[in-house]
Amino acid sequence: MSAEDLPLPDYDHLPIGSLQHRIRSLNAGELQRVIDYEAEHNDRTHVMEILRHRMDELNNGATPSPGRQNDDAVETQGTPGDSPITPNRASEPIHPPRHGTVASPGQHNKRGRP
């Protein structure tokens, strides 16, 4: 079986959050194909737990939810394409004192000596 045979487009590159969201629309047969593929190819423990948990839900009466498999990944929804932070808008670096206190940086006060 190859990734092209799966009901989830671009399965091997889906982030975990998107995978959890997208498998909710699969029926038991489609989900079993994903489980078999994952077991053969990657066998990632966390992913297998997510897939098996969803299969248990389906076996206990849950129904697939409506949804489209070609939506943007959950992690990228609502994020701007460009960052508003530029080098001239970034905050000034903070330089904490190396030793001593803020009032007398760089001085040790062991036994009354500077």
C-alpha atoms as a PDB file:
ATOM      1  CA  MET A   1       0.000   0.000   0.000  1.00  0.00           C
ATOM      2  CA  SER A   2       1.259   3.510  -0.795  1.00  0.00           C
ATOM      3  CA  ALA A   3       0.383   6.935   0.609  1.00  0.00           C
ATOM      4  CA  GLU A   4      -1.582   7.692  -2.576  1.00  0.00           C
ATOM      5  CA  ASP A   5      -4.020   4.889  -1.654  1.00  0.00           C
ATOM      6  CA  LEU A   6      -4.965   6.585   1.612  1.00  0.00           C
ATOM      7  CA  PRO A   7      -8.120   8.668   2.129  1.00  0.00           C
ATOM      8  CA  LEU A   8      -5.970  11.476   3.611  1.00  0.00           C
ATOM      9  CA  PRO A   9      -4.066  13.517   1.018  1.00  0.00           C
ATOM     10  CA  ASP A  10      -0.388  14.051   1.835  1.00  0.00           C
ATOM     11  CA  TYR A  11      -0.694  11.812   4.920  1.00  0.00           C
ATOM     12  CA  ASP A  12       3.061  11.500   5.532  1.00  0.00           C
ATOM     13  CA  HIS A  13       3.400  15.277   5.909  1.00  0.00           C
ATOM     14  CA  LEU A  14       0.375  16.004   8.115  1.00  0.00           C
ATOM     15  CA  PRO A  15       1.109  17.542  11.512  1.00  0.00           C
ATOM     16  CA  ILE A  16      -0.360  15.622  14.467  1.00  0.00           C
ATOM     17  CA  GLY A  17      -3.018  18.295  15.121  1.00  0.00           C
ATOM     18  CA  SER A  18      -4.273  18.070  11.556  1.00  0.00           C
ATOM     19  CA  LEU A  19      -4.220  14.287  11.638  1.00  0.00           C
ATOM     20  CA  GLN A  20      -6.397  14.223  14.769  1.00  0.00           C
ATOM     21  CA  HIS A  21      -8.845  16.581  13.086  1.00  0.00           C
ATOM     22  CA  ARG A  22      -8.944  14.857   9.707  1.00  0.00           C
ATOM     23  CA  ILE A  23      -9.405  11.260  10.867  1.00  0.00           C
ATOM     24  CA  ARG A  24     -12.715  12.247  12.454  1.00  0.00           C
ATOM     25  CA  SER A  25     -14.334  12.235   8.996  1.00  0.00           C
ATOM     26  CA  LEU A  26     -13.122   8.715   8.126  1.00  0.00           C
ATOM     27  CA  ASN A  27     -15.286   5.627   8.412  1.00  0.00           C
ATOM     28  CA  ALA A  28     -13.932   2.440  10.008  1.00  0.00           C
ATOM     29  CA  GLY A  29     -12.711   0.965   6.705  1.00  0.00           C
ATOM     30  CA  GLU A  30     -10.833   4.113   5.702  1.00  0.00           C
ATOM     31  CA  LEU A  31      -9.342   4.468   9.155  1.00  0.00           C
ATOM     32  CA  GLN A  32      -8.192   0.838   9.085  1.00  0.00           C
ATOM     33  CA  ARG A  33      -6.307   1.544   5.846  1.00  0.00           C
ATOM     34  CA  VAL A  34      -4.522   4.442   7.569  1.00  0.00           C
ATOM     35  CA  ILE A  35      -3.708   2.236  10.589  1.00  0.00           C
ATOM     36  CA  ASP A  36      -2.309  -0.495   8.330  1.00  0.00           C
ATOM     37  CA  TYR A  37      -0.215   2.014   6.387  1.00  0.00           C
ATOM     38  CA  GLU A  38       1.139   3.630   9.561  1.00  0.00           C
ATOM     39  CA  ALA A  39       2.014   0.222  11.037  1.00  0.00           C
ATOM     40  CA  GLU A  40       3.879  -0.786   7.851  1.00  0.00           C
ATOM     41  CA  HIS A  41       5.759   2.444   7.219  1.00  0.00           C
ATOM     42  CA  ASN A  42       6.322   4.700  10.214  1.00  0.00           C
ATOM     43  CA  ASP A  43       4.807   2.947  13.249  1.00  0.00           C
ATOM     44  CA  ARG A  44       4.932   6.121  15.345  1.00  0.00           C
ATOM     45  CA  THR A  45       3.671   5.301  18.836  1.00  0.00           C
ATOM     46  CA  HIS A  46       1.765   8.551  19.381  1.00  0.00           C
ATOM     47  CA  VAL A  47       0.121   8.393  15.954  1.00  0.00           C
ATOM     48  CA  MET A  48      -0.878   4.757  16.430  1.00  0.00           C
ATOM     49  CA  GLU A  49      -2.468   5.656  19.783  1.00  0.00           C
ATOM     50  CA  ILE A  50      -4.499   8.431  18.141  1.00  0.00           C
ATOM     51  CA  LEU A  51      -5.618   6.156  15.298  1.00  0.00           C
ATOM     52  CA  ARG A  52      -6.539   3.259  17.591  1.00  0.00           C
ATOM     53  CA  HIS A  53      -8.418   5.556  19.950  1.00  0.00           C
ATOM     54  CA  ARG A  54     -10.502   6.864  17.054  1.00  0.00           C
ATOM     55  CA  MET A  55     -11.153   3.296  15.881  1.00  0.00           C
ATOM     56  CA  ASP A  56     -12.393   2.435  19.386  1.00  0.00           C
ATOM     57  CA  GLU A  57     -14.742   5.423  19.215  1.00  0.00           C
ATOM     58  CA  LEU A  58     -16.110   4.255  15.856  1.00  0.00           C
ATOM     59  CA  ASN A  59     -16.530   0.696  17.148  1.00  0.00           C
ATOM     60  CA  ASN A  60     -18.474   2.066  20.130  1.00  0.00           C
ATOM     61  CA  GLY A  61     -21.005   3.937  18.009  1.00  0.00           C
ATOM     62  CA  ALA A  62     -19.348   7.198  16.980  1.00  0.00           C
ATOM     63  CA  THR A  63     -20.109   8.364  13.473  1.00  0.00           C
ATOM     64  CA  PRO A  64     -17.719  10.101  11.074  1.00  0.00           C
ATOM     65  CA  SER A  65     -18.106  13.851  11.113  1.00  0.00           C
ATOM     66  CA  PRO A  66     -18.491  15.884   7.933  1.00  0.00           C
ATOM     67  CA  GLY A  67     -15.366  17.567   6.680  1.00  0.00           C
ATOM     68  CA  ARG A  68     -13.051  18.059   3.755  1.00  0.00           C
ATOM     69  CA  GLN A  69      -9.642  16.441   3.553  1.00  0.00           C
ATOM     70  CA  ASN A  70      -8.010  19.160   1.460  1.00  0.00           C
ATOM     71  CA  ASP A  71      -8.396  22.094   3.901  1.00  0.00           C
ATOM     72  CA  ASP A  72      -5.312  23.897   5.185  1.00  0.00           C
ATOM     73  CA  ALA A  73      -3.586  22.312   8.145  1.00  0.00           C
ATOM     74  CA  VAL A  74      -5.110  23.286  11.499  1.00  0.00           C
ATOM     75  CA  GLU A  75      -1.755  24.673  12.625  1.00  0.00           C
ATOM     76  CA  THR A  76      -1.632  27.173   9.731  1.00  0.00           C
ATOM     77  CA  GLN A  77      -5.173  28.503   9.902  1.00  0.00           C
ATOM     78  CA  GLY A  78      -5.428  32.110  11.019  1.00  0.00           C
ATOM     79  CA  THR A  79      -1.707  32.825  10.906  1.00  0.00           C
ATOM     80  CA  PRO A  80      -0.416  35.765   8.875  1.00  0.00           C
ATOM     81  CA  GLY A  81       1.947  35.063   6.023  1.00  0.00           C
ATOM     82  CA  ASP A  82       4.531  37.635   7.086  1.00  0.00           C
ATOM     83  CA  SER A  83       5.756  38.578  10.523  1.00  0.00           C
ATOM     84  CA  PRO A  84       5.245  42.228  11.528  1.00  0.00           C
ATOM     85  CA  ILE A  85       8.530  42.102  13.430  1.00  0.00           C
ATOM     86  CA  THR A  86      11.529  43.506  11.575  1.00  0.00           C
ATOM     87  CA  PRO A  87      15.039  44.207  12.886  1.00  0.00           C
ATOM     88  CA  ASN A  88      14.208  47.899  13.401  1.00  0.00           C
ATOM     89  CA  ARG A  89      10.946  47.029  15.244  1.00  0.00           C
ATOM     90  CA  ALA A  90      12.373  44.330  17.532  1.00  0.00           C
ATOM     91  CA  SER A  91      12.787  45.071  21.223  1.00  0.00           C
ATOM     92  CA  GLU A  92      16.134  46.024  22.666  1.00  0.00           C
ATOM     93  CA  PRO A  93      18.172  43.111  24.034  1.00  0.00           C
ATOM     94  CA  ILE A  94      18.239  42.719  27.805  1.00  0.00           C
ATOM     95  CA  HIS A  95      21.637  42.350  29.457  1.00  0.00           C
ATOM     96  CA  PRO A  96      21.252  41.121  33.040  1.00  0.00           C
ATOM     97  CA  PRO A  97      24.105  41.800  35.462  1.00  0.00           C
ATOM     98  CA  ARG A  98      26.770  39.121  35.455  1.00  0.00           C
ATOM     99  CA  HIS A  99      27.498  39.276  39.206  1.00  0.00           C
ATOM    100  CA  GLY A 100      26.419  41.234  42.223  1.00  0.00           C
ATOM    101  CA  THR A 101      23.291  43.330  42.237  1.00  0.00           C
ATOM    102  CA  VAL A 102      21.693  45.696  39.777  1.00  0.00           C
ATOM    103  CA  ALA A 103      23.149  48.661  41.693  1.00  0.00           C
ATOM    104  CA  SER A 104      26.702  47.290  41.568  1.00  0.00           C
ATOM    105  CA  PRO A 105      27.025  44.891  38.609  1.00  0.00           C
ATOM    106  CA  GLY A 106      30.227  42.975  38.201  1.00  0.00           C
ATOM    107  CA  GLN A 107      31.259  43.208  41.858  1.00  0.00           C
ATOM    108  CA  HIS A 108      31.474  40.329  44.268  1.00  0.00           C
ATOM    109  CA  ASN A 109      31.079  40.979  47.931  1.00  0.00           C
ATOM    110  CA  LYS A 110      32.905  38.096  49.586  1.00  0.00           C
ATOM    111  CA  ARG A 111      33.958  38.965  53.125  1.00  0.00           C
ATOM    112  CA  GLY A 112      33.745  42.676  52.571  1.00  0.00           C
ATOM    113  CA  ARG A 113      36.077  42.756  49.550  1.00  0.00           C
ATOM    114  CA  PRO A 114      35.042  44.485  46.305  1.00  0.00           C
END
